[in-house]
């Protein structure tokens, strides 16, 4: 375990925001995790993964814990267990190359394995909750490791118990059920078109992961070149009455049917209709590639990004009577 004082977090958040923390604790293994306890006072700690889902608006006064990004995963009794600090896409590609299916549609999503259950990441018809068996956490108040079952994680759309409640936990490992005979989800036309363009009629899990990666590369800006946190808003859910009203007015509406006569409406479509795609304010703005992505063009602050975000929320609410919810954590 390594501890650094007065540490700049600019390289540890994908928006490249210039904020500091009093103590930065680098954790390399489970033994290091147990050594964190002496650094924890009444203020607790802040666990920071790759910083791909956070907007820093101020310095962090709590000790910041960061699990190293070393990749470690193993398969035992049909269950894949991975170190929480591992990069998520490394796990996706590792599994796909081994012929283990279930998460290939989630390729090219930035972040860590530990961050995946926290926000229940999802894309192209798949949510990570559908493959998770258990999540191991370390309770830094009691100095005890415990495993939460899938049900105990209380997964919801882009959320979980890890986001919805205050808890003294550090996610250390995650177990997945990835199988060589998992059903392939090709429900999205974009994936079908990408595979067809490469004359792939019977895709492997790796083919699907590569197809998704190619699509995301075209649609979304690379945070290493243009700092961002990916999707900035959750896709809102509306009822059938509201959907029919909107569809009569907008024949190009983008929405996906859900259970109980509800629809998941594209937040990107709403933002485009309000003119935010490519809209810029000072050093931050909405990507001209994808309206759902807020980017840092240079030296933007977290507060400037949130200010622009609120402007977009007001505009969408005024035009559609729909209030967008911010997806990343705002600190």
C-alpha atoms as a PDB file:
ATOM      1  CA  UNK A   1       0.000   0.000   0.000  1.00  0.00           C
ATOM      2  CA  UNK A   2       1.254   3.462  -0.908  1.00  0.00           C
ATOM      3  CA  UNK A   3       0.040   6.759   0.528  1.00  0.00           C
ATOM      4  CA  UNK A   4       0.546  10.124  -1.196  1.00  0.00           C
ATOM      5  CA  UNK A   5      -0.240  13.489   0.390  1.00  0.00           C
ATOM      6  CA  UNK A   6      -1.934  16.488  -1.306  1.00  0.00           C
ATOM      7  CA  UNK A   7      -2.452  14.481  -4.502  1.00  0.00           C
ATOM      8  CA  UNK A   8      -3.754  15.905  -7.796  1.00  0.00           C
ATOM      9  CA  UNK A   9      -6.612  13.772  -9.160  1.00  0.00           C
ATOM     10  CA  UNK A  10      -6.534  15.203 -12.699  1.00  0.00           C
ATOM     11  CA  UNK A  11      -5.162  11.960 -14.144  1.00  0.00           C
ATOM     12  CA  UNK A  12      -7.615   9.894 -12.103  1.00  0.00           C
ATOM     13  CA  UNK A  13     -10.869  11.253 -13.535  1.00  0.00           C
ATOM     14  CA  UNK A  14     -11.768  11.010 -17.211  1.00  0.00           C
ATOM     15  CA  UNK A  15     -13.050  14.599 -17.318  1.00  0.00           C
ATOM     16  CA  UNK A  16      -9.475  15.670 -16.427  1.00  0.00           C
ATOM     17  CA  UNK A  17     -10.729  18.034 -13.730  1.00  0.00           C
ATOM     18  CA  UNK A  18      -8.043  19.675 -11.635  1.00  0.00           C
ATOM     19  CA  UNK A  19      -8.928  18.707  -8.041  1.00  0.00           C
ATOM     20  CA  UNK A  20      -6.864  17.507  -5.086  1.00  0.00           C
ATOM     21  CA  UNK A  21      -7.269  15.128  -2.171  1.00  0.00           C
ATOM     22  CA  UNK A  22      -5.497  15.230   1.203  1.00  0.00           C
ATOM     23  CA  UNK A  23      -4.424  11.579   1.012  1.00  0.00           C
ATOM     24  CA  UNK A  24      -4.327   9.199  -1.949  1.00  0.00           C
ATOM     25  CA  UNK A  25      -4.116   5.540  -0.889  1.00  0.00           C
ATOM     26  CA  UNK A  26      -3.026   3.109  -3.600  1.00  0.00           C
ATOM     27  CA  UNK A  27      -4.180  -0.451  -2.881  1.00  0.00           C
ATOM     28  CA  UNK A  28      -2.596  -3.386  -4.717  1.00  0.00           C
ATOM     29  CA  UNK A  29      -4.154  -6.480  -3.105  1.00  0.00           C
ATOM     30  CA  UNK A  30      -6.553  -7.752  -0.431  1.00  0.00           C
ATOM     31  CA  UNK A  31      -3.895  -7.494   2.267  1.00  0.00           C
ATOM     32  CA  UNK A  32      -3.496  -3.783   1.455  1.00  0.00           C
ATOM     33  CA  UNK A  33      -7.244  -3.340   1.771  1.00  0.00           C
ATOM     34  CA  UNK A  34      -7.107  -4.445   5.404  1.00  0.00           C
ATOM     35  CA  UNK A  35      -4.374  -1.894   6.110  1.00  0.00           C
ATOM     36  CA  UNK A  36      -6.670   1.002   5.204  1.00  0.00           C
ATOM     37  CA  UNK A  37      -8.414   0.987   8.585  1.00  0.00           C
ATOM     38  CA  UNK A  38      -5.805   3.134  10.421  1.00  0.00           C
ATOM     39  CA  UNK A  39      -6.361   5.928   7.886  1.00  0.00           C
ATOM     40  CA  UNK A  40     -10.116   5.990   8.374  1.00  0.00           C
ATOM     41  CA  UNK A  41     -11.412   8.538  10.847  1.00  0.00           C
ATOM     42  CA  UNK A  42     -14.909   9.837  11.378  1.00  0.00           C
ATOM     43  CA  UNK A  43     -14.836  11.339   7.897  1.00  0.00           C
ATOM     44  CA  UNK A  44     -14.615   7.912   6.264  1.00  0.00           C
ATOM     45  CA  UNK A  45     -13.023   7.453   2.842  1.00  0.00           C
ATOM     46  CA  UNK A  46     -13.820   8.009  -0.814  1.00  0.00           C
ATOM     47  CA  UNK A  47     -13.297   5.063  -3.178  1.00  0.00           C
ATOM     48  CA  UNK A  48     -12.163   6.142  -6.639  1.00  0.00           C
ATOM     49  CA  UNK A  49     -11.886   3.701  -9.533  1.00  0.00           C
ATOM     50  CA  UNK A  50     -10.969   5.005 -12.959  1.00  0.00           C
ATOM     51  CA  UNK A  51     -12.959   8.187 -12.351  1.00  0.00           C
ATOM     52  CA  UNK A  52     -15.024   7.516 -15.480  1.00  0.00           C
ATOM     53  CA  UNK A  53     -18.345   8.243 -13.785  1.00  0.00           C
ATOM     54  CA  UNK A  54     -17.644  11.199 -11.536  1.00  0.00           C
ATOM     55  CA  UNK A  55     -17.694  14.985 -11.762  1.00  0.00           C
ATOM     56  CA  UNK A  56     -15.363  16.649  -9.257  1.00  0.00           C
ATOM     57  CA  UNK A  57     -16.567  20.123  -8.311  1.00  0.00           C
ATOM     58  CA  UNK A  58     -14.253  20.536  -5.303  1.00  0.00           C
ATOM     59  CA  UNK A  59     -11.252  19.040  -3.552  1.00  0.00           C
ATOM     60  CA  UNK A  60     -11.803  15.810  -1.616  1.00  0.00           C
ATOM     61  CA  UNK A  61     -10.982  16.154   2.082  1.00  0.00           C
ATOM     62  CA  UNK A  62     -11.459  12.453   2.840  1.00  0.00           C
ATOM     63  CA  UNK A  63      -8.699   9.918   2.171  1.00  0.00           C
ATOM     64  CA  UNK A  64      -9.140   8.639  -1.393  1.00  0.00           C
ATOM     65  CA  UNK A  65      -8.718   4.880  -1.914  1.00  0.00           C
ATOM     66  CA  UNK A  66      -7.751   3.644  -5.375  1.00  0.00           C
ATOM     67  CA  UNK A  67      -7.410  -0.041  -6.288  1.00  0.00           C
ATOM     68  CA  UNK A  68      -4.603  -0.589  -8.809  1.00  0.00           C
ATOM     69  CA  UNK A  69      -5.675  -1.381 -12.339  1.00  0.00           C
ATOM     70  CA  UNK A  70      -3.711  -4.644 -12.517  1.00  0.00           C
ATOM     71  CA  UNK A  71      -5.747  -7.280 -14.335  1.00  0.00           C
ATOM     72  CA  UNK A  72      -6.588 -10.452 -12.451  1.00  0.00           C
ATOM     73  CA  UNK A  73      -9.401 -12.883 -13.214  1.00  0.00           C
ATOM     74  CA  UNK A  74      -9.866 -16.611 -12.806  1.00  0.00           C
ATOM     75  CA  UNK A  75     -12.544 -19.201 -13.465  1.00  0.00           C
ATOM     76  CA  UNK A  76     -13.488 -21.692 -10.760  1.00  0.00           C
ATOM     77  CA  UNK A  77     -16.513 -24.011 -10.777  1.00  0.00           C
ATOM     78  CA  UNK A  78     -17.999 -22.098 -13.697  1.00  0.00           C
ATOM     79  CA  UNK A  79     -17.762 -18.729 -11.931  1.00  0.00           C
ATOM     80  CA  UNK A  80     -15.443 -15.937 -13.119  1.00  0.00           C
ATOM     81  CA  UNK A  81     -13.969 -13.892 -10.258  1.00  0.00           C
ATOM     82  CA  UNK A  82     -12.185 -10.624 -11.053  1.00  0.00           C
ATOM     83  CA  UNK A  83     -10.212  -8.040  -9.057  1.00  0.00           C
ATOM     84  CA  UNK A  84     -12.293  -4.882  -8.696  1.00  0.00           C
ATOM     85  CA  UNK A  85      -9.463  -2.650  -9.854  1.00  0.00           C
ATOM     86  CA  UNK A  86      -9.190  -4.442 -13.204  1.00  0.00           C
ATOM     87  CA  UNK A  87     -10.234  -2.404 -16.225  1.00  0.00           C
ATOM     88  CA  UNK A  88     -13.718  -3.436 -17.269  1.00  0.00           C
ATOM     89  CA  UNK A  89     -12.935  -3.743 -20.964  1.00  0.00           C
ATOM     90  CA  UNK A  90      -9.945  -5.967 -20.200  1.00  0.00           C
ATOM     91  CA  UNK A  91     -12.331  -8.406 -18.515  1.00  0.00           C
ATOM     92  CA  UNK A  92     -14.819  -8.262 -21.417  1.00  0.00           C
ATOM     93  CA  UNK A  93     -12.152  -9.026 -24.020  1.00  0.00           C
ATOM     94  CA  UNK A  94     -10.487 -11.685 -21.839  1.00  0.00           C
ATOM     95  CA  UNK A  95     -13.813 -13.488 -21.427  1.00  0.00           C
ATOM     96  CA  UNK A  96     -14.727 -13.179 -25.109  1.00  0.00           C
ATOM     97  CA  UNK A  97     -11.384 -14.614 -26.192  1.00  0.00           C
ATOM     98  CA  UNK A  98     -11.947 -17.554 -23.843  1.00  0.00           C
ATOM     99  CA  UNK A  99     -15.355 -18.171 -25.390  1.00  0.00           C
ATOM    100  CA  UNK A 100     -17.250 -17.061 -22.280  1.00  0.00           C
ATOM    101  CA  UNK A 101     -20.399 -15.107 -23.059  1.00  0.00           C
ATOM    102  CA  UNK A 102     -22.657 -12.716 -21.211  1.00  0.00           C
ATOM    103  CA  UNK A 103     -20.864  -9.350 -21.182  1.00  0.00           C
ATOM    104  CA  UNK A 104     -19.643  -8.978 -24.780  1.00  0.00           C
ATOM    105  CA  UNK A 105     -22.293  -6.274 -25.486  1.00  0.00           C
ATOM    106  CA  UNK A 106     -20.665  -4.211 -22.738  1.00  0.00           C
ATOM    107  CA  UNK A 107     -17.326  -3.916 -24.540  1.00  0.00           C
ATOM    108  CA  UNK A 108     -15.422  -0.617 -24.672  1.00  0.00           C
ATOM    109  CA  UNK A 109     -17.169   0.846 -21.623  1.00  0.00           C
ATOM    110  CA  UNK A 110     -14.554   2.741 -19.598  1.00  0.00           C
ATOM    111  CA  UNK A 111     -14.249   2.078 -15.891  1.00  0.00           C
ATOM    112  CA  UNK A 112     -13.321  -0.744 -13.565  1.00  0.00           C
ATOM    113  CA  UNK A 113     -14.786  -4.115 -12.654  1.00  0.00           C
ATOM    114  CA  UNK A 114     -15.704  -2.688  -9.246  1.00  0.00           C
ATOM    115  CA  UNK A 115     -17.536   0.223 -10.840  1.00  0.00           C
ATOM    116  CA  UNK A 116     -19.643  -2.059 -13.044  1.00  0.00           C
ATOM    117  CA  UNK A 117     -22.040  -3.298 -10.315  1.00  0.00           C
ATOM    118  CA  UNK A 118     -22.100   0.073  -8.576  1.00  0.00           C
ATOM    119  CA  UNK A 119     -23.876   1.742 -11.486  1.00  0.00           C
ATOM    120  CA  UNK A 120     -25.207  -1.448 -13.061  1.00  0.00           C
ATOM    121  CA  UNK A 121     -23.650  -0.605 -16.421  1.00  0.00           C
ATOM    122  CA  UNK A 122     -25.655  -1.451 -19.493  1.00  0.00           C
ATOM    123  CA  UNK A 123     -25.534  -1.151 -23.280  1.00  0.00           C
ATOM    124  CA  UNK A 124     -27.064  -2.724 -26.398  1.00  0.00           C
ATOM    125  CA  UNK A 125     -29.766  -4.629 -24.551  1.00  0.00           C
ATOM    126  CA  UNK A 126     -27.563  -6.011 -21.764  1.00  0.00           C
ATOM    127  CA  UNK A 127     -27.116  -5.017 -18.107  1.00  0.00           C
ATOM    128  CA  UNK A 128     -24.265  -6.320 -15.987  1.00  0.00           C
ATOM    129  CA  UNK A 129     -26.670  -7.333 -13.204  1.00  0.00           C
ATOM    130  CA  UNK A 130     -27.788 -10.269 -15.345  1.00  0.00           C
ATOM    131  CA  UNK A 131     -24.369 -11.935 -15.012  1.00  0.00           C
ATOM    132  CA  UNK A 132     -23.300 -11.006 -11.470  1.00  0.00           C
ATOM    133  CA  UNK A 133     -23.335 -13.799  -8.873  1.00  0.00           C
ATOM    134  CA  UNK A 134     -21.910 -11.894  -5.924  1.00  0.00           C
ATOM    135  CA  UNK A 135     -19.951  -8.770  -5.046  1.00  0.00           C
ATOM    136  CA  UNK A 136     -17.264  -8.950  -2.374  1.00  0.00           C
ATOM    137  CA  UNK A 137     -16.882  -5.882  -0.181  1.00  0.00           C
ATOM    138  CA  UNK A 138     -14.607  -4.886   2.671  1.00  0.00           C
ATOM    139  CA  UNK A 139     -16.272  -3.102   5.576  1.00  0.00           C
ATOM    140  CA  UNK A 140     -13.668  -0.598   6.782  1.00  0.00           C
ATOM    141  CA  UNK A 141     -15.663   0.035   9.963  1.00  0.00           C
ATOM    142  CA  UNK A 142     -15.671  -3.602  11.100  1.00  0.00           C
ATOM    143  CA  UNK A 143     -12.538  -4.721   9.225  1.00  0.00           C
ATOM    144  CA  UNK A 144     -14.475  -7.657   7.735  1.00  0.00           C
ATOM    145  CA  UNK A 145     -14.921  -8.969   4.187  1.00  0.00           C
ATOM    146  CA  UNK A 146     -18.399 -10.041   3.122  1.00  0.00           C
ATOM    147  CA  UNK A 147     -20.167 -11.131  -0.059  1.00  0.00           C
ATOM    148  CA  UNK A 148     -23.422  -9.622  -1.243  1.00  0.00           C
ATOM    149  CA  UNK A 149     -25.603 -11.816  -3.439  1.00  0.00           C
ATOM    150  CA  UNK A 150     -27.136 -10.489  -6.633  1.00  0.00           C
ATOM    151  CA  UNK A 151     -30.424  -9.867  -4.806  1.00  0.00           C
ATOM    152  CA  UNK A 152     -28.679  -8.079  -1.923  1.00  0.00           C
ATOM    153  CA  UNK A 153     -27.087  -5.668  -4.403  1.00  0.00           C
ATOM    154  CA  UNK A 154     -30.579  -4.283  -5.182  1.00  0.00           C
ATOM    155  CA  UNK A 155     -29.816  -3.595  -8.807  1.00  0.00           C
ATOM    156  CA  UNK A 156     -31.907  -1.002 -10.623  1.00  0.00           C
ATOM    157  CA  UNK A 157     -31.568   0.905 -13.873  1.00  0.00           C
ATOM    158  CA  UNK A 158     -28.044   2.415 -13.717  1.00  0.00           C
ATOM    159  CA  UNK A 159     -27.964   2.037  -9.961  1.00  0.00           C
ATOM    160  CA  UNK A 160     -27.543  -0.363  -7.032  1.00  0.00           C
ATOM    161  CA  UNK A 161     -27.268  -0.482  -3.258  1.00  0.00           C
ATOM    162  CA  UNK A 162     -23.723   0.861  -3.651  1.00  0.00           C
ATOM    163  CA  UNK A 163     -25.055   4.135  -5.069  1.00  0.00           C
ATOM    164  CA  UNK A 164     -28.350   4.448  -3.282  1.00  0.00           C
ATOM    165  CA  UNK A 165     -27.154   4.103   0.303  1.00  0.00           C
ATOM    166  CA  UNK A 166     -24.277   5.302   2.443  1.00  0.00           C
ATOM    167  CA  UNK A 167     -22.159   2.330   3.406  1.00  0.00           C
ATOM    168  CA  UNK A 168     -18.615   1.674   4.713  1.00  0.00           C
ATOM    169  CA  UNK A 169     -17.726  -0.661   1.843  1.00  0.00           C
ATOM    170  CA  UNK A 170     -14.905  -1.046  -0.622  1.00  0.00           C
ATOM    171  CA  UNK A 171     -15.737  -3.355  -3.530  1.00  0.00           C
ATOM    172  CA  UNK A 172     -12.787  -5.743  -3.831  1.00  0.00           C
ATOM    173  CA  UNK A 173     -13.877  -8.583  -6.154  1.00  0.00           C
ATOM    174  CA  UNK A 174     -16.847  -9.393  -8.367  1.00  0.00           C
ATOM    175  CA  UNK A 175     -18.056 -12.844  -9.442  1.00  0.00           C
ATOM    176  CA  UNK A 176     -19.795 -13.393 -12.777  1.00  0.00           C
ATOM    177  CA  UNK A 177     -21.611 -16.279 -14.414  1.00  0.00           C
ATOM    178  CA  UNK A 178     -20.123 -16.267 -17.910  1.00  0.00           C
ATOM    179  CA  UNK A 179     -20.839 -19.352 -19.970  1.00  0.00           C
ATOM    180  CA  UNK A 180     -19.661 -20.815 -23.292  1.00  0.00           C
ATOM    181  CA  UNK A 181     -23.306 -21.359 -24.234  1.00  0.00           C
ATOM    182  CA  UNK A 182     -24.694 -17.959 -23.222  1.00  0.00           C
ATOM    183  CA  UNK A 183     -27.397 -16.650 -25.530  1.00  0.00           C
ATOM    184  CA  UNK A 184     -26.127 -13.910 -27.832  1.00  0.00           C
ATOM    185  CA  UNK A 185     -28.033 -10.635 -27.805  1.00  0.00           C
ATOM    186  CA  UNK A 186     -28.192  -9.212 -31.314  1.00  0.00           C
ATOM    187  CA  UNK A 187     -31.395  -7.261 -30.801  1.00  0.00           C
ATOM    188  CA  UNK A 188     -29.837  -3.903 -31.707  1.00  0.00           C
ATOM    189  CA  UNK A 189     -29.760  -3.138 -35.421  1.00  0.00           C
ATOM    190  CA  UNK A 190     -26.398  -1.410 -35.088  1.00  0.00           C
ATOM    191  CA  UNK A 191     -24.695  -4.628 -34.030  1.00  0.00           C
ATOM    192  CA  UNK A 192     -26.364  -6.603 -36.824  1.00  0.00           C
ATOM    193  CA  UNK A 193     -25.277  -4.030 -39.396  1.00  0.00           C
ATOM    194  CA  UNK A 194     -21.702  -3.967 -38.105  1.00  0.00           C
ATOM    195  CA  UNK A 195     -21.430  -7.772 -38.272  1.00  0.00           C
ATOM    196  CA  UNK A 196     -23.053  -7.871 -41.714  1.00  0.00           C
ATOM    197  CA  UNK A 197     -20.560  -5.304 -43.011  1.00  0.00           C
ATOM    198  CA  UNK A 198     -17.817  -7.770 -42.125  1.00  0.00           C
ATOM    199  CA  UNK A 199     -19.693 -10.771 -43.591  1.00  0.00           C
ATOM    200  CA  UNK A 200     -19.998 -12.406 -40.164  1.00  0.00           C
ATOM    201  CA  UNK A 201     -23.116 -14.587 -40.180  1.00  0.00           C
ATOM    202  CA  UNK A 202     -22.467 -16.682 -37.065  1.00  0.00           C
ATOM    203  CA  UNK A 203     -20.656 -14.328 -34.679  1.00  0.00           C
ATOM    204  CA  UNK A 204     -18.579 -15.435 -31.742  1.00  0.00           C
ATOM    205  CA  UNK A 205     -18.597 -13.534 -28.461  1.00  0.00           C
ATOM    206  CA  UNK A 206     -15.359 -11.885 -29.585  1.00  0.00           C
ATOM    207  CA  UNK A 207     -16.955 -10.844 -32.901  1.00  0.00           C
ATOM    208  CA  UNK A 208     -19.772  -9.157 -30.991  1.00  0.00           C
ATOM    209  CA  UNK A 209     -17.356  -7.435 -28.584  1.00  0.00           C
ATOM    210  CA  UNK A 210     -15.315  -6.139 -31.529  1.00  0.00           C
ATOM    211  CA  UNK A 211     -18.466  -4.942 -33.289  1.00  0.00           C
ATOM    212  CA  UNK A 212     -19.646  -3.055 -30.211  1.00  0.00           C
ATOM    213  CA  UNK A 213     -16.178  -1.541 -29.765  1.00  0.00           C
ATOM    214  CA  UNK A 214     -16.187  -0.294 -33.358  1.00  0.00           C
ATOM    215  CA  UNK A 215     -19.644   1.249 -32.969  1.00  0.00           C
ATOM    216  CA  UNK A 216     -18.734   3.013 -29.735  1.00  0.00           C
ATOM    217  CA  UNK A 217     -15.499   4.304 -31.243  1.00  0.00           C
ATOM    218  CA  UNK A 218     -17.433   5.932 -34.075  1.00  0.00           C
ATOM    219  CA  UNK A 219     -20.241   7.313 -31.927  1.00  0.00           C
ATOM    220  CA  UNK A 220     -18.459   8.476 -28.804  1.00  0.00           C
ATOM    221  CA  UNK A 221     -15.431  10.721 -28.250  1.00  0.00           C
ATOM    222  CA  UNK A 222     -12.329   9.086 -26.750  1.00  0.00           C
ATOM    223  CA  UNK A 223     -11.850  10.450 -23.224  1.00  0.00           C
ATOM    224  CA  UNK A 224      -8.056  10.265 -23.633  1.00  0.00           C
ATOM    225  CA  UNK A 225      -8.340  12.800 -26.456  1.00  0.00           C
ATOM    226  CA  UNK A 226     -11.406  14.759 -25.347  1.00  0.00           C
ATOM    227  CA  UNK A 227     -12.093  14.297 -21.610  1.00  0.00           C
ATOM    228  CA  UNK A 228     -15.618  13.089 -20.779  1.00  0.00           C
ATOM    229  CA  UNK A 229     -17.552  10.615 -18.621  1.00  0.00           C
ATOM    230  CA  UNK A 230     -19.585   9.052 -21.406  1.00  0.00           C
ATOM    231  CA  UNK A 231     -23.365   9.278 -21.071  1.00  0.00           C
ATOM    232  CA  UNK A 232     -24.131  12.239 -18.823  1.00  0.00           C
ATOM    233  CA  UNK A 233     -27.846  11.556 -18.381  1.00  0.00           C
ATOM    234  CA  UNK A 234     -30.002   8.504 -17.810  1.00  0.00           C
ATOM    235  CA  UNK A 235     -32.522   7.666 -20.510  1.00  0.00           C
ATOM    236  CA  UNK A 236     -35.876   8.685 -18.992  1.00  0.00           C
ATOM    237  CA  UNK A 237     -38.794   6.262 -18.722  1.00  0.00           C
ATOM    238  CA  UNK A 238     -42.222   7.514 -19.775  1.00  0.00           C
ATOM    239  CA  UNK A 239     -45.692   5.965 -19.801  1.00  0.00           C
ATOM    240  CA  UNK A 240     -47.657   4.990 -22.893  1.00  0.00           C
ATOM    241  CA  UNK A 241     -49.868   8.085 -22.810  1.00  0.00           C
ATOM    242  CA  UNK A 242     -46.889  10.422 -22.849  1.00  0.00           C
ATOM    243  CA  UNK A 243     -45.156   8.335 -25.528  1.00  0.00           C
ATOM    244  CA  UNK A 244     -48.188   8.455 -27.836  1.00  0.00           C
ATOM    245  CA  UNK A 245     -48.484  12.199 -27.348  1.00  0.00           C
ATOM    246  CA  UNK A 246     -44.829  12.721 -28.292  1.00  0.00           C
ATOM    247  CA  UNK A 247     -44.907  10.253 -31.200  1.00  0.00           C
ATOM    248  CA  UNK A 248     -47.841  12.117 -32.767  1.00  0.00           C
ATOM    249  CA  UNK A 249     -45.800  15.302 -32.704  1.00  0.00           C
ATOM    250  CA  UNK A 250     -42.387  13.814 -33.552  1.00  0.00           C
ATOM    251  CA  UNK A 251     -42.288  11.002 -36.106  1.00  0.00           C
ATOM    252  CA  UNK A 252     -38.545  10.552 -35.527  1.00  0.00           C
ATOM    253  CA  UNK A 253     -38.880   9.852 -31.796  1.00  0.00           C
ATOM    254  CA  UNK A 254     -36.321   7.367 -30.442  1.00  0.00           C
ATOM    255  CA  UNK A 255     -37.739   5.127 -27.722  1.00  0.00           C
ATOM    256  CA  UNK A 256     -37.654   1.477 -26.669  1.00  0.00           C
ATOM    257  CA  UNK A 257     -40.664  -0.440 -25.305  1.00  0.00           C
ATOM    258  CA  UNK A 258     -40.478  -1.783 -21.758  1.00  0.00           C
ATOM    259  CA  UNK A 259     -42.788  -3.854 -19.604  1.00  0.00           C
ATOM    260  CA  UNK A 260     -46.047  -2.462 -18.173  1.00  0.00           C
ATOM    261  CA  UNK A 261     -46.676  -0.214 -21.194  1.00  0.00           C
ATOM    262  CA  UNK A 262     -43.720   2.050 -20.529  1.00  0.00           C
ATOM    263  CA  UNK A 263     -40.997   3.303 -22.858  1.00  0.00           C
ATOM    264  CA  UNK A 264     -37.342   4.226 -22.392  1.00  0.00           C
ATOM    265  CA  UNK A 265     -36.825   7.462 -24.253  1.00  0.00           C
ATOM    266  CA  UNK A 266     -33.467   8.439 -25.743  1.00  0.00           C
ATOM    267  CA  UNK A 267     -31.986  11.291 -23.723  1.00  0.00           C
ATOM    268  CA  UNK A 268     -29.670  12.024 -26.661  1.00  0.00           C
ATOM    269  CA  UNK A 269     -32.717  12.544 -28.908  1.00  0.00           C
ATOM    270  CA  UNK A 270     -34.241  14.969 -26.400  1.00  0.00           C
ATOM    271  CA  UNK A 271     -31.000  16.944 -26.190  1.00  0.00           C
ATOM    272  CA  UNK A 272     -30.627  17.088 -29.978  1.00  0.00           C
ATOM    273  CA  UNK A 273     -34.176  18.397 -30.302  1.00  0.00           C
ATOM    274  CA  UNK A 274     -33.229  21.156 -27.884  1.00  0.00           C
ATOM    275  CA  UNK A 275     -30.133  22.039 -29.900  1.00  0.00           C
ATOM    276  CA  UNK A 276     -27.467  20.855 -27.488  1.00  0.00           C
ATOM    277  CA  UNK A 277     -25.499  18.553 -29.784  1.00  0.00           C
ATOM    278  CA  UNK A 278     -22.222  20.396 -30.369  1.00  0.00           C
ATOM    279  CA  UNK A 279     -23.302  23.269 -28.095  1.00  0.00           C
ATOM    280  CA  UNK A 280     -20.356  24.821 -26.258  1.00  0.00           C
ATOM    281  CA  UNK A 281     -20.009  27.138 -23.279  1.00  0.00           C
ATOM    282  CA  UNK A 282     -16.505  28.406 -22.529  1.00  0.00           C
ATOM    283  CA  UNK A 283     -14.237  25.381 -21.959  1.00  0.00           C
ATOM    284  CA  UNK A 284     -16.949  22.711 -21.871  1.00  0.00           C
ATOM    285  CA  UNK A 285     -19.756  21.582 -24.131  1.00  0.00           C
ATOM    286  CA  UNK A 286     -21.797  18.778 -25.631  1.00  0.00           C
ATOM    287  CA  UNK A 287     -19.971  16.537 -28.081  1.00  0.00           C
ATOM    288  CA  UNK A 288     -20.723  17.046 -31.769  1.00  0.00           C
ATOM    289  CA  UNK A 289     -20.512  13.236 -32.049  1.00  0.00           C
ATOM    290  CA  UNK A 290     -23.152  12.431 -29.439  1.00  0.00           C
ATOM    291  CA  UNK A 291     -25.500  14.818 -27.640  1.00  0.00           C
ATOM    292  CA  UNK A 292     -25.449  12.699 -24.486  1.00  0.00           C
ATOM    293  CA  UNK A 293     -21.759  13.357 -23.849  1.00  0.00           C
ATOM    294  CA  UNK A 294     -20.478  16.453 -22.045  1.00  0.00           C
ATOM    295  CA  UNK A 295     -16.806  17.164 -22.703  1.00  0.00           C
ATOM    296  CA  UNK A 296     -13.971  19.228 -21.277  1.00  0.00           C
ATOM    297  CA  UNK A 297     -12.322  21.143 -24.114  1.00  0.00           C
ATOM    298  CA  UNK A 298      -9.421  22.351 -22.014  1.00  0.00           C
ATOM    299  CA  UNK A 299      -9.506  23.790 -18.532  1.00  0.00           C
ATOM    300  CA  UNK A 300     -13.155  23.509 -17.590  1.00  0.00           C
ATOM    301  CA  UNK A 301     -14.062  23.168 -13.924  1.00  0.00           C
ATOM    302  CA  UNK A 302     -16.555  20.717 -12.502  1.00  0.00           C
ATOM    303  CA  UNK A 303     -18.846  23.581 -11.555  1.00  0.00           C
ATOM    304  CA  UNK A 304     -18.865  24.894 -15.137  1.00  0.00           C
ATOM    305  CA  UNK A 305     -19.803  21.442 -16.424  1.00  0.00           C
ATOM    306  CA  UNK A 306     -22.629  21.112 -13.900  1.00  0.00           C
ATOM    307  CA  UNK A 307     -23.845  24.606 -14.771  1.00  0.00           C
ATOM    308  CA  UNK A 308     -24.094  23.662 -18.455  1.00  0.00           C
ATOM    309  CA  UNK A 309     -25.743  20.379 -17.496  1.00  0.00           C
ATOM    310  CA  UNK A 310     -28.434  22.225 -15.528  1.00  0.00           C
ATOM    311  CA  UNK A 311     -29.056  24.485 -18.515  1.00  0.00           C
ATOM    312  CA  UNK A 312     -29.750  21.416 -20.658  1.00  0.00           C
ATOM    313  CA  UNK A 313     -32.018  19.877 -17.998  1.00  0.00           C
ATOM    314  CA  UNK A 314     -34.074  23.093 -17.827  1.00  0.00           C
ATOM    315  CA  UNK A 315     -34.372  23.265 -21.607  1.00  0.00           C
ATOM    316  CA  UNK A 316     -35.528  19.639 -21.993  1.00  0.00           C
ATOM    317  CA  UNK A 317     -38.006  20.009 -19.142  1.00  0.00           C
ATOM    318  CA  UNK A 318     -39.416  23.197 -20.627  1.00  0.00           C
ATOM    319  CA  UNK A 319     -39.862  21.675 -24.100  1.00  0.00           C
ATOM    320  CA  UNK A 320     -40.936  18.111 -23.236  1.00  0.00           C
ATOM    321  CA  UNK A 321     -42.015  18.229 -19.565  1.00  0.00           C
ATOM    322  CA  UNK A 322     -39.371  15.558 -18.892  1.00  0.00           C
ATOM    323  CA  UNK A 323     -36.654  16.075 -16.278  1.00  0.00           C
ATOM    324  CA  UNK A 324     -33.359  14.417 -17.145  1.00  0.00           C
ATOM    325  CA  UNK A 325     -31.356  12.809 -14.335  1.00  0.00           C
ATOM    326  CA  UNK A 326     -27.568  13.064 -14.234  1.00  0.00           C
ATOM    327  CA  UNK A 327     -25.869   9.664 -14.474  1.00  0.00           C
ATOM    328  CA  UNK A 328     -22.351  10.323 -13.076  1.00  0.00           C
ATOM    329  CA  UNK A 329     -21.762  11.005  -9.398  1.00  0.00           C
ATOM    330  CA  UNK A 330     -21.340  14.695  -8.642  1.00  0.00           C
ATOM    331  CA  UNK A 331     -19.027  15.487  -5.772  1.00  0.00           C
END
